Every structure is written in C-alpha cells, then in structure tokens.
Amino acid sequence: MTFKVIAEAEAKRDWNDLRQPGVGLRFDGAIRTFLQTLANRPDRFRLATRLTRLARMPKPWPYLVYLTINREFREVKVLSIWHCKRNPAELRKRLK
C-alpha cells in the first residue's frame, strides 16, 4: 500500500535551495527516489518525536527528512529536508 507524499512549504524551500547546477540535479533524482521509498513504507523510519519520524538519506547525501504519517488519508507529509550541519535549534522551532 502506497502513501501519497506531500511536502510542506518549508520542505519545498529546503529542496529548492539545494537545486544548484550539477549537484542539484543529482540531489533532485536522489530525493525523488527516496520519497518513493517513504511512500512505500513510511513506518520503517524511527520516531524523532511522538508524531514525527526521521529518515536519513542514503550516502553521500548528509540530509535528514522529517515526516509525519496520516494513516486515515494515506499520506506522508514531509516537514523538512534538513542538512546535518545546520543549526538544530532552527529545526526544533520548525517542528513545534
């Protein structure tokens, strides 16, 4: 059973900020493939908070994807695509 993946505005902004010549195109393909993995089995990722799950992108990408699952509507909502070296305080504000 596949879930529909919906990206929040902040996550879309994160994604668009990464679109740079060369690296951006490779990342774009990698994130699309990864989001399909999320759609197929979102429960396999660990809980970061009571409602939020955390998924690590495969290497070489140093990004974390924060998501929530709505089983009733069969949706996975991507809250953030977060670079591991960014300030975690900023992330905590976003996930509240």
PDB file of N, CA and C in Angstrom:
ATOM      1  N   MET A   1       0.834  -1.179   0.000  1.00  0.00           N
ATOM      2  CA  MET A   1       0.000   0.000   0.000  1.00  0.00           C
ATOM      3  C   MET A   1       0.878   1.243   0.000  1.00  0.00           C
ATOM      4  N   THR A   2       0.682   2.073  -0.978  1.00  0.00           N
ATOM      5  CA  THR A   2       1.494   3.272  -1.121  1.00  0.00           C
ATOM      6  C   THR A   2       0.778   4.486  -0.543  1.00  0.00           C
ATOM      7  N   PHE A   3       1.536   5.315   0.131  1.00  0.00           N
ATOM      8  CA  PHE A   3       1.022   6.566   0.678  1.00  0.00           C
ATOM      9  C   PHE A   3       1.308   7.685  -0.313  1.00  0.00           C
ATOM     10  N   LYS A   4       0.507   8.734  -0.271  1.00  0.00           N
ATOM     11  CA  LYS A   4       0.756   9.925  -1.069  1.00  0.00           C
ATOM     12  C   LYS A   4       1.744  10.788  -0.287  1.00  0.00           C
ATOM     13  N   VAL A   5       2.783  11.308  -0.946  1.00  0.00           N
ATOM     14  CA  VAL A   5       3.789  12.151  -0.293  1.00  0.00           C
ATOM     15  C   VAL A   5       3.467  13.612  -0.589  1.00  0.00           C
ATOM     16  N   ILE A   6       3.345  14.388   0.488  1.00  0.00           N
ATOM     17  CA  ILE A   6       3.062  15.817   0.383  1.00  0.00           C
ATOM     18  C   ILE A   6       4.194  16.559   1.082  1.00  0.00           C
ATOM     19  N   ALA A   7       4.761  17.532   0.408  1.00  0.00           N
ATOM     20  CA  ALA A   7       5.846  18.325   1.005  1.00  0.00           C
ATOM     21  C   ALA A   7       5.290  19.654   1.504  1.00  0.00           C
ATOM     22  N   GLU A   8       5.580  19.969   2.758  1.00  0.00           N
ATOM     23  CA  GLU A   8       5.211  21.261   3.330  1.00  0.00           C
ATOM     24  C   GLU A   8       5.996  22.363   2.619  1.00  0.00           C
ATOM     25  N   ALA A   9       5.548  23.593   2.726  1.00  0.00           N
ATOM     26  CA  ALA A   9       6.204  24.730   2.072  1.00  0.00           C
ATOM     27  C   ALA A   9       7.670  24.849   2.492  1.00  0.00           C
ATOM     28  N   GLU A  10       7.956  24.643   3.786  1.00  0.00           N
ATOM     29  CA  GLU A  10       9.337  24.725   4.277  1.00  0.00           C
ATOM     30  C   GLU A  10      10.210  23.643   3.647  1.00  0.00           C
ATOM     31  N   ALA A  11       9.678  22.447   3.513  1.00  0.00           N
ATOM     32  CA  ALA A  11      10.439  21.358   2.903  1.00  0.00           C
ATOM     33  C   ALA A  11      10.697  21.653   1.427  1.00  0.00           C
ATOM     34  N   LYS A  12       9.713  22.213   0.745  1.00  0.00           N
ATOM     35  CA  LYS A  12       9.900  22.584  -0.666  1.00  0.00           C
ATOM     36  C   LYS A  12      10.980  23.657  -0.793  1.00  0.00           C
ATOM     37  N   ARG A  13      10.980  24.584   0.152  1.00  0.00           N
ATOM     38  CA  ARG A  13      12.005  25.636   0.150  1.00  0.00           C
ATOM     39  C   ARG A  13      13.382  25.017   0.367  1.00  0.00           C
ATOM     40  N   ASP A  14      13.480  24.063   1.309  1.00  0.00           N
ATOM     41  CA  ASP A  14      14.749  23.361   1.541  1.00  0.00           C
ATOM     42  C   ASP A  14      15.232  22.714   0.244  1.00  0.00           C
ATOM     43  N   TRP A  15      14.318  22.022  -0.416  1.00  0.00           N
ATOM     44  CA  TRP A  15      14.635  21.293  -1.635  1.00  0.00           C
ATOM     45  C   TRP A  15      15.086  22.253  -2.734  1.00  0.00           C
ATOM     46  N   ASN A  16      14.356  23.349  -2.915  1.00  0.00           N
ATOM     47  CA  ASN A  16      14.705  24.311  -3.962  1.00  0.00           C
ATOM     48  C   ASN A  16      16.032  25.002  -3.687  1.00  0.00           C
ATOM     49  N   ASP A  17      16.353  25.212  -2.422  1.00  0.00           N
ATOM     50  CA  ASP A  17      17.641  25.826  -2.076  1.00  0.00           C
ATOM     51  C   ASP A  17      18.810  24.949  -2.496  1.00  0.00           C
ATOM     52  N   LEU A  18      18.572  23.653  -2.617  1.00  0.00           N
ATOM     53  CA  LEU A  18      19.643  22.723  -2.969  1.00  0.00           C
ATOM     54  C   LEU A  18      19.830  22.575  -4.470  1.00  0.00           C
ATOM     55  N   ARG A  19      18.921  23.128  -5.241  1.00  0.00           N
ATOM     56  CA  ARG A  19      18.999  22.987  -6.693  1.00  0.00           C
ATOM     57  C   ARG A  19      20.056  23.924  -7.260  1.00  0.00           C
ATOM     58  N   GLN A  20      21.247  23.384  -7.410  1.00  0.00           N
ATOM     59  CA  GLN A  20      22.356  24.124  -7.979  1.00  0.00           C
ATOM     60  C   GLN A  20      22.848  23.323  -9.178  1.00  0.00           C
ATOM     61  N   PRO A  21      23.480  23.971 -10.138  1.00  0.00           N
ATOM     62  CA  PRO A  21      23.968  23.234 -11.299  1.00  0.00           C
ATOM     63  C   PRO A  21      24.841  22.046 -10.895  1.00  0.00           C
ATOM     64  N   GLY A  22      24.611  20.910 -11.512  1.00  0.00           N
ATOM     65  CA  GLY A  22      25.409  19.704 -11.232  1.00  0.00           C
ATOM     66  C   GLY A  22      24.898  18.956 -10.025  1.00  0.00           C
ATOM     67  N   VAL A  23      25.245  19.409  -8.848  1.00  0.00           N
ATOM     68  CA  VAL A  23      24.865  18.725  -7.611  1.00  0.00           C
ATOM     69  C   VAL A  23      23.353  18.734  -7.448  1.00  0.00           C
ATOM     70  N   GLY A  24      22.718  19.853  -7.785  1.00  0.00           N
ATOM     71  CA  GLY A  24      21.272  19.973  -7.632  1.00  0.00           C
ATOM     72  C   GLY A  24      20.508  18.938  -8.421  1.00  0.00           C
ATOM     73  N   LEU A  25      20.939  18.669  -9.631  1.00  0.00           N
ATOM     74  CA  LEU A  25      20.252  17.677 -10.461  1.00  0.00           C
ATOM     75  C   LEU A  25      20.411  16.264  -9.896  1.00  0.00           C
ATOM     76  N   ARG A  26      21.603  15.947  -9.415  1.00  0.00           N
ATOM     77  CA  ARG A  26      21.821  14.622  -8.810  1.00  0.00           C
ATOM     78  C   ARG A  26      21.005  14.486  -7.534  1.00  0.00           C
ATOM     79  N   PHE A  27      20.979  15.560  -6.732  1.00  0.00           N
ATOM     80  CA  PHE A  27      20.204  15.525  -5.498  1.00  0.00           C
ATOM     81  C   PHE A  27      18.719  15.387  -5.812  1.00  0.00           C
ATOM     82  N   ASP A  28      18.259  16.085  -6.825  1.00  0.00           N
ATOM     83  CA  ASP A  28      16.853  16.026  -7.211  1.00  0.00           C
ATOM     84  C   ASP A  28      16.432  14.588  -7.506  1.00  0.00           C
ATOM     85  N   GLY A  29      17.249  13.869  -8.253  1.00  0.00           N
ATOM     86  CA  GLY A  29      16.952  12.464  -8.545  1.00  0.00           C
ATOM     87  C   GLY A  29      16.995  11.599  -7.302  1.00  0.00           C
ATOM     88  N   ALA A  30      17.985  11.857  -6.439  1.00  0.00           N
ATOM     89  CA  ALA A  30      18.123  11.068  -5.209  1.00  0.00           C
ATOM     90  C   ALA A  30      16.950  11.299  -4.271  1.00  0.00           C
ATOM     91  N   ILE A  31      16.497  12.543  -4.126  1.00  0.00           N
ATOM     92  CA  ILE A  31      15.395  12.812  -3.207  1.00  0.00           C
ATOM     93  C   ILE A  31      14.091  12.252  -3.753  1.00  0.00           C
ATOM     94  N   ARG A  32      13.891  12.299  -5.050  1.00  0.00           N
ATOM     95  CA  ARG A  32      12.668  11.714  -5.637  1.00  0.00           C
ATOM     96  C   ARG A  32      12.619  10.204  -5.392  1.00  0.00           C
ATOM     97  N   THR A  33      13.737   9.544  -5.573  1.00  0.00           N
ATOM     98  CA  THR A  33      13.806   8.101  -5.303  1.00  0.00           C
ATOM     99  C   THR A  33      13.563   7.829  -3.824  1.00  0.00           C
ATOM    100  N   PHE A  34      14.151   8.637  -2.960  1.00  0.00           N
ATOM    101  CA  PHE A  34      13.992   8.455  -1.524  1.00  0.00           C
ATOM    102  C   PHE A  34      12.548   8.690  -1.089  1.00  0.00           C
ATOM    103  N   LEU A  35      11.888   9.699  -1.666  1.00  0.00           N
ATOM    104  CA  LEU A  35      10.492   9.962  -1.323  1.00  0.00           C
ATOM    105  C   LEU A  35       9.588   8.811  -1.752  1.00  0.00           C
ATOM    106  N   GLN A  36       9.956   8.126  -2.822  1.00  0.00           N
ATOM    107  CA  GLN A  36       9.188   6.944  -3.230  1.00  0.00           C
ATOM    108  C   GLN A  36       9.335   5.842  -2.182  1.00  0.00           C
ATOM    109  N   THR A  37      10.528   5.709  -1.602  1.00  0.00           N
ATOM    110  CA  THR A  37      10.754   4.755  -0.507  1.00  0.00           C
ATOM    111  C   THR A  37       9.866   5.114   0.680  1.00  0.00           C
ATOM    112  N   LEU A  38       9.779   6.415   0.986  1.00  0.00           N
ATOM    113  CA  LEU A  38       8.905   6.871   2.068  1.00  0.00           C
ATOM    114  C   LEU A  38       7.455   6.492   1.787  1.00  0.00           C
ATOM    115  N   ALA A  39       7.036   6.672   0.553  1.00  0.00           N
ATOM    116  CA  ALA A  39       5.652   6.386   0.182  1.00  0.00           C
ATOM    117  C   ALA A  39       5.320   4.908   0.338  1.00  0.00           C
ATOM    118  N   ASN A  40       6.278   4.048   0.078  1.00  0.00           N
ATOM    119  CA  ASN A  40       6.027   2.606   0.143  1.00  0.00           C
ATOM    120  C   ASN A  40       5.996   2.059   1.564  1.00  0.00           C
ATOM    121  N   ARG A  41       6.895   2.541   2.420  1.00  0.00           N
ATOM    122  CA  ARG A  41       6.983   2.008   3.788  1.00  0.00           C
ATOM    123  C   ARG A  41       7.388   3.092   4.787  1.00  0.00           C
ATOM    124  N   PRO A  42       6.531   4.048   5.072  1.00  0.00           N
ATOM    125  CA  PRO A  42       6.916   5.141   5.971  1.00  0.00           C
ATOM    126  C   PRO A  42       7.112   4.701   7.424  1.00  0.00           C
ATOM    127  N   ASP A  43       6.487   3.626   7.836  1.00  0.00           N
ATOM    128  CA  ASP A  43       6.602   3.162   9.228  1.00  0.00           C
ATOM    129  C   ASP A  43       7.984   2.616   9.568  1.00  0.00           C
ATOM    130  N   ARG A  44       8.788   2.334   8.585  1.00  0.00           N
ATOM    131  CA  ARG A  44      10.089   1.721   8.872  1.00  0.00           C
ATOM    132  C   ARG A  44      11.101   2.704   9.459  1.00  0.00           C
ATOM    133  N   PHE A  45      10.780   3.997   9.413  1.00  0.00           N
ATOM    134  CA  PHE A  45      11.694   5.007   9.934  1.00  0.00           C
ATOM    135  C   PHE A  45      11.384   5.294  11.399  1.00  0.00           C
ATOM    136  N   ARG A  46      12.443   5.618  12.153  1.00  0.00           N
ATOM    137  CA  ARG A  46      12.297   5.766  13.605  1.00  0.00           C
ATOM    138  C   ARG A  46      11.592   7.061  13.980  1.00  0.00           C
ATOM    139  N   LEU A  47      11.007   7.050  15.175  1.00  0.00           N
ATOM    140  CA  LEU A  47      10.357   8.238  15.702  1.00  0.00           C
ATOM    141  C   LEU A  47      11.400   9.235  16.207  1.00  0.00           C
ATOM    142  N   ALA A  48      11.234  10.493  15.833  1.00  0.00           N
ATOM    143  CA  ALA A  48      12.088  11.573  16.340  1.00  0.00           C
ATOM    144  C   ALA A  48      11.366  12.268  17.495  1.00  0.00           C
ATOM    145  N   THR A  49      10.052  12.394  17.367  1.00  0.00           N
ATOM    146  CA  THR A  49       9.187  12.909  18.428  1.00  0.00           C
ATOM    147  C   THR A  49       7.973  11.980  18.466  1.00  0.00           C
ATOM    148  N   ARG A  50       6.999  12.346  19.267  1.00  0.00           N
ATOM    149  CA  ARG A  50       5.815  11.498  19.394  1.00  0.00           C
ATOM    150  C   ARG A  50       5.085  11.314  18.051  1.00  0.00           C
ATOM    151  N   LEU A  51       5.094  12.330  17.208  1.00  0.00           N
ATOM    152  CA  LEU A  51       4.368  12.269  15.938  1.00  0.00           C
ATOM    153  C   LEU A  51       5.256  12.343  14.701  1.00  0.00           C
ATOM    154  N   THR A  52       6.510  12.703  14.871  1.00  0.00           N
ATOM    155  CA  THR A  52       7.407  12.932  13.741  1.00  0.00           C
ATOM    156  C   THR A  52       8.408  11.801  13.595  1.00  0.00           C
ATOM    157  N   ARG A  53       8.609  11.375  12.372  1.00  0.00           N
ATOM    158  CA  ARG A  53       9.599  10.340  12.075  1.00  0.00           C
ATOM    159  C   ARG A  53      10.804  10.979  11.386  1.00  0.00           C
ATOM    160  N   LEU A  54      11.926  10.292  11.511  1.00  0.00           N
ATOM    161  CA  LEU A  54      13.192  10.773  10.967  1.00  0.00           C
ATOM    162  C   LEU A  54      13.746   9.729  10.012  1.00  0.00           C
ATOM    163  N   ALA A  55      14.042  10.170   8.801  1.00  0.00           N
ATOM    164  CA  ALA A  55      14.623   9.278   7.801  1.00  0.00           C
ATOM    165  C   ALA A  55      15.919   9.889   7.299  1.00  0.00           C
ATOM    166  N   ARG A  56      16.980   9.098   7.273  1.00  0.00           N
ATOM    167  CA  ARG A  56      18.276   9.556   6.745  1.00  0.00           C
ATOM    168  C   ARG A  56      18.349   9.247   5.260  1.00  0.00           C
ATOM    169  N   MET A  57      18.797  10.226   4.508  1.00  0.00           N
ATOM    170  CA  MET A  57      19.031   9.978   3.084  1.00  0.00           C
ATOM    171  C   MET A  57      20.260   9.086   2.956  1.00  0.00           C
ATOM    172  N   PRO A  58      20.288   8.249   1.944  1.00  0.00           N
ATOM    173  CA  PRO A  58      21.465   7.389   1.763  1.00  0.00           C
ATOM    174  C   PRO A  58      22.701   8.222   1.416  1.00  0.00           C
ATOM    175  N   LYS A  59      23.869   7.661   1.731  1.00  0.00           N
ATOM    176  CA  LYS A  59      25.127   8.334   1.431  1.00  0.00           C
ATOM    177  C   LYS A  59      25.245   8.508  -0.063  1.00  0.00           C
ATOM    178  N   PRO A  60      25.823   9.568  -0.520  1.00  0.00           N
ATOM    179  CA  PRO A  60      26.660  10.570   0.125  1.00  0.00           C
ATOM    180  C   PRO A  60      25.884  11.790   0.619  1.00  0.00           C
ATOM    181  N   TRP A  61      24.576  11.744   0.655  1.00  0.00           N
ATOM    182  CA  TRP A  61      23.775  12.917   0.991  1.00  0.00           C
ATOM    183  C   TRP A  61      23.639  13.081   2.502  1.00  0.00           C
ATOM    184  N   PRO A  62      24.135  14.195   3.068  1.00  0.00           N
ATOM    185  CA  PRO A  62      24.073  14.420   4.515  1.00  0.00           C
ATOM    186  C   PRO A  62      22.771  15.129   4.932  1.00  0.00           C
ATOM    187  N   TYR A  63      21.646  14.524   4.580  1.00  0.00           N
ATOM    188  CA  TYR A  63      20.347  15.143   4.852  1.00  0.00           C
ATOM    189  C   TYR A  63      19.455  14.208   5.653  1.00  0.00           C
ATOM    190  N   LEU A  64      18.617  14.848   6.480  1.00  0.00           N
ATOM    191  CA  LEU A  64      17.605  14.141   7.242  1.00  0.00           C
ATOM    192  C   LEU A  64      16.246  14.608   6.729  1.00  0.00           C
ATOM    193  N   VAL A  65      15.316  13.687   6.622  1.00  0.00           N
ATOM    194  CA  VAL A  65      13.966  14.026   6.192  1.00  0.00           C
ATOM    195  C   VAL A  65      13.047  13.779   7.379  1.00  0.00           C
ATOM    196  N   TYR A  66      12.355  14.828   7.812  1.00  0.00           N
ATOM    197  CA  TYR A  66      11.398  14.721   8.912  1.00  0.00           C
ATOM    198  C   TYR A  66      10.004  14.640   8.309  1.00  0.00           C
ATOM    199  N   LEU A  67       9.212  13.690   8.802  1.00  0.00           N
ATOM    200  CA  LEU A  67       7.911  13.431   8.210  1.00  0.00           C
ATOM    201  C   LEU A  67       6.888  13.016   9.255  1.00  0.00           C
ATOM    202  N   THR A  68       5.627  13.158   8.899  1.00  0.00           N
ATOM    203  CA  THR A  68       4.528  12.633   9.704  1.00  0.00           C
ATOM    204  C   THR A  68       3.698  11.732   8.802  1.00  0.00           C
ATOM    205  N   ILE A  69       2.976  10.813   9.424  1.00  0.00           N
ATOM    206  CA  ILE A  69       2.151   9.865   8.684  1.00  0.00           C
ATOM    207  C   ILE A  69       0.696  10.062   9.086  1.00  0.00           C
ATOM    208  N   ASN A  70      -0.180  10.197   8.099  1.00  0.00           N
ATOM    209  CA  ASN A  70      -1.616  10.261   8.329  1.00  0.00           C
ATOM    210  C   ASN A  70      -2.208   8.999   7.712  1.00  0.00           C
ATOM    211  N   ARG A  71      -2.460   8.011   8.545  1.00  0.00           N
ATOM    212  CA  ARG A  71      -2.951   6.729   8.052  1.00  0.00           C
ATOM    213  C   ARG A  71      -4.371   6.823   7.494  1.00  0.00           C
ATOM    214  N   GLU A  72      -5.183   7.678   8.092  1.00  0.00           N
ATOM    215  CA  GLU A  72      -6.568   7.815   7.653  1.00  0.00           C
ATOM    216  C   GLU A  72      -6.650   8.227   6.182  1.00  0.00           C
ATOM    217  N   PHE A  73      -5.813   9.192   5.785  1.00  0.00           N
ATOM    218  CA  PHE A  73      -5.818   9.686   4.409  1.00  0.00           C
ATOM    219  C   PHE A  73      -4.692   9.095   3.563  1.00  0.00           C
ATOM    220  N   ARG A  74      -3.926   8.167   4.150  1.00  0.00           N
ATOM    221  CA  ARG A  74      -2.818   7.503   3.453  1.00  0.00           C
ATOM    222  C   ARG A  74      -1.838   8.524   2.882  1.00  0.00           C
ATOM    223  N   GLU A  75      -1.400   9.449   3.765  1.00  0.00           N
ATOM    224  CA  GLU A  75      -0.481  10.499   3.365  1.00  0.00           C
ATOM    225  C   GLU A  75       0.762  10.516   4.239  1.00  0.00           C
ATOM    226  N   VAL A  76       1.863  10.848   3.610  1.00  0.00           N
ATOM    227  CA  VAL A  76       3.117  11.126   4.314  1.00  0.00           C
ATOM    228  C   VAL A  76       3.399  12.593   4.056  1.00  0.00           C
ATOM    229  N   LYS A  77       3.528  13.374   5.127  1.00  0.00           N
ATOM    230  CA  LYS A  77       3.804  14.801   4.989  1.00  0.00           C
ATOM    231  C   LYS A  77       5.269  15.043   5.336  1.00  0.00           C
ATOM    232  N   VAL A  78       6.026  15.561   4.373  1.00  0.00           N
ATOM    233  CA  VAL A  78       7.434  15.890   4.585  1.00  0.00           C
ATOM    234  C   VAL A  78       7.490  17.292   5.190  1.00  0.00           C
ATOM    235  N   LEU A  79       8.028  17.363   6.406  1.00  0.00           N
ATOM    236  CA  LEU A  79       8.101  18.630   7.124  1.00  0.00           C
ATOM    237  C   LEU A  79       9.387  19.390   6.833  1.00  0.00           C
ATOM    238  N   SER A  80      10.466  18.644   6.642  1.00  0.00           N
ATOM    239  CA  SER A  80      11.759  19.287   6.431  1.00  0.00           C
ATOM    240  C   SER A  80      12.742  18.339   5.764  1.00  0.00           C
ATOM    241  N   ILE A  81      13.587  18.900   4.919  1.00  0.00           N
ATOM    242  CA  ILE A  81      14.745  18.194   4.359  1.00  0.00           C
ATOM    243  C   ILE A  81      15.928  18.968   4.921  1.00  0.00           C
ATOM    244  N   TRP A  82      16.559  18.407   5.933  1.00  0.00           N
ATOM    245  CA  TRP A  82      17.496  19.150   6.784  1.00  0.00           C
ATOM    246  C   TRP A  82      18.933  18.689   6.591  1.00  0.00           C
ATOM    247  N   HIS A  83      19.829  19.624   6.282  1.00  0.00           N
ATOM    248  CA  HIS A  83      21.250  19.300   6.191  1.00  0.00           C
ATOM    249  C   HIS A  83      21.777  19.069   7.605  1.00  0.00           C
ATOM    250  N   CYS A  84      22.560  18.039   7.788  1.00  0.00           N
ATOM    251  CA  CYS A  84      23.046  17.637   9.121  1.00  0.00           C
ATOM    252  C   CYS A  84      23.906  18.694   9.812  1.00  0.00           C
ATOM    253  N   LYS A  85      24.486  19.617   9.064  1.00  0.00           N
ATOM    254  CA  LYS A  85      25.354  20.624   9.678  1.00  0.00           C
ATOM    255  C   LYS A  85      24.632  21.926  10.010  1.00  0.00           C
ATOM    256  N   ARG A  86      23.338  22.000   9.725  1.00  0.00           N
ATOM    257  CA  ARG A  86      22.591  23.208  10.068  1.00  0.00           C
ATOM    258  C   ARG A  86      22.299  23.244  11.561  1.00  0.00           C
ATOM    259  N   ASN A  87      21.977  24.405  12.065  1.00  0.00           N
ATOM    260  CA  ASN A  87      21.702  24.616  13.475  1.00  0.00           C
ATOM    261  C   ASN A  87      20.429  23.861  13.896  1.00  0.00           C
ATOM    262  N   PRO A  88      20.534  22.919  14.844  1.00  0.00           N
ATOM    263  CA  PRO A  88      19.356  22.153  15.250  1.00  0.00           C
ATOM    264  C   PRO A  88      18.303  22.995  15.973  1.00  0.00           C
ATOM    265  N   ALA A  89      18.669  24.122  16.540  1.00  0.00           N
ATOM    266  CA  ALA A  89      17.687  24.982  17.202  1.00  0.00           C
ATOM    267  C   ALA A  89      16.658  25.493  16.193  1.00  0.00           C
ATOM    268  N   GLU A  90      17.109  25.776  15.005  1.00  0.00           N
ATOM    269  CA  GLU A  90      16.207  26.229  13.933  1.00  0.00           C
ATOM    270  C   GLU A  90      15.214  25.118  13.571  1.00  0.00           C
ATOM    271  N   LEU A  91      15.694  23.903  13.547  1.00  0.00           N
ATOM    272  CA  LEU A  91      14.838  22.756  13.236  1.00  0.00           C
ATOM    273  C   LEU A  91      13.786  22.560  14.329  1.00  0.00           C
ATOM    274  N   ARG A  92      14.190  22.673  15.588  1.00  0.00           N
ATOM    275  CA  ARG A  92      13.244  22.500  16.686  1.00  0.00           C
ATOM    276  C   ARG A  92      12.100  23.496  16.602  1.00  0.00           C
ATOM    277  N   LYS A  93      12.397  24.737  16.210  1.00  0.00           N
ATOM    278  CA  LYS A  93      11.346  25.747  16.037  1.00  0.00           C
ATOM    279  C   LYS A  93      10.363  25.316  14.953  1.00  0.00           C
ATOM    280  N   ARG A  94      10.895  24.783  13.877  1.00  0.00           N
ATOM    281  CA  ARG A  94      10.063  24.391  12.754  1.00  0.00           C
ATOM    282  C   ARG A  94       9.160  23.205  13.084  1.00  0.00           C
ATOM    283  N   LEU A  95       9.656  22.271  13.867  1.00  0.00           N
ATOM    284  CA  LEU A  95       8.900  21.047  14.150  1.00  0.00           C
ATOM    285  C   LEU A  95       7.873  21.214  15.263  1.00  0.00           C
ATOM    286  N   LYS A  96       7.849  22.354  15.924  1.00  0.00           N
ATOM    287  CA  LYS A  96       6.867  22.564  17.006  1.00  0.00           C
ATOM    288  C   LYS A  96       5.480  22.723  16.479  1.00  0.00           C
TER     289      LYS A  96
END
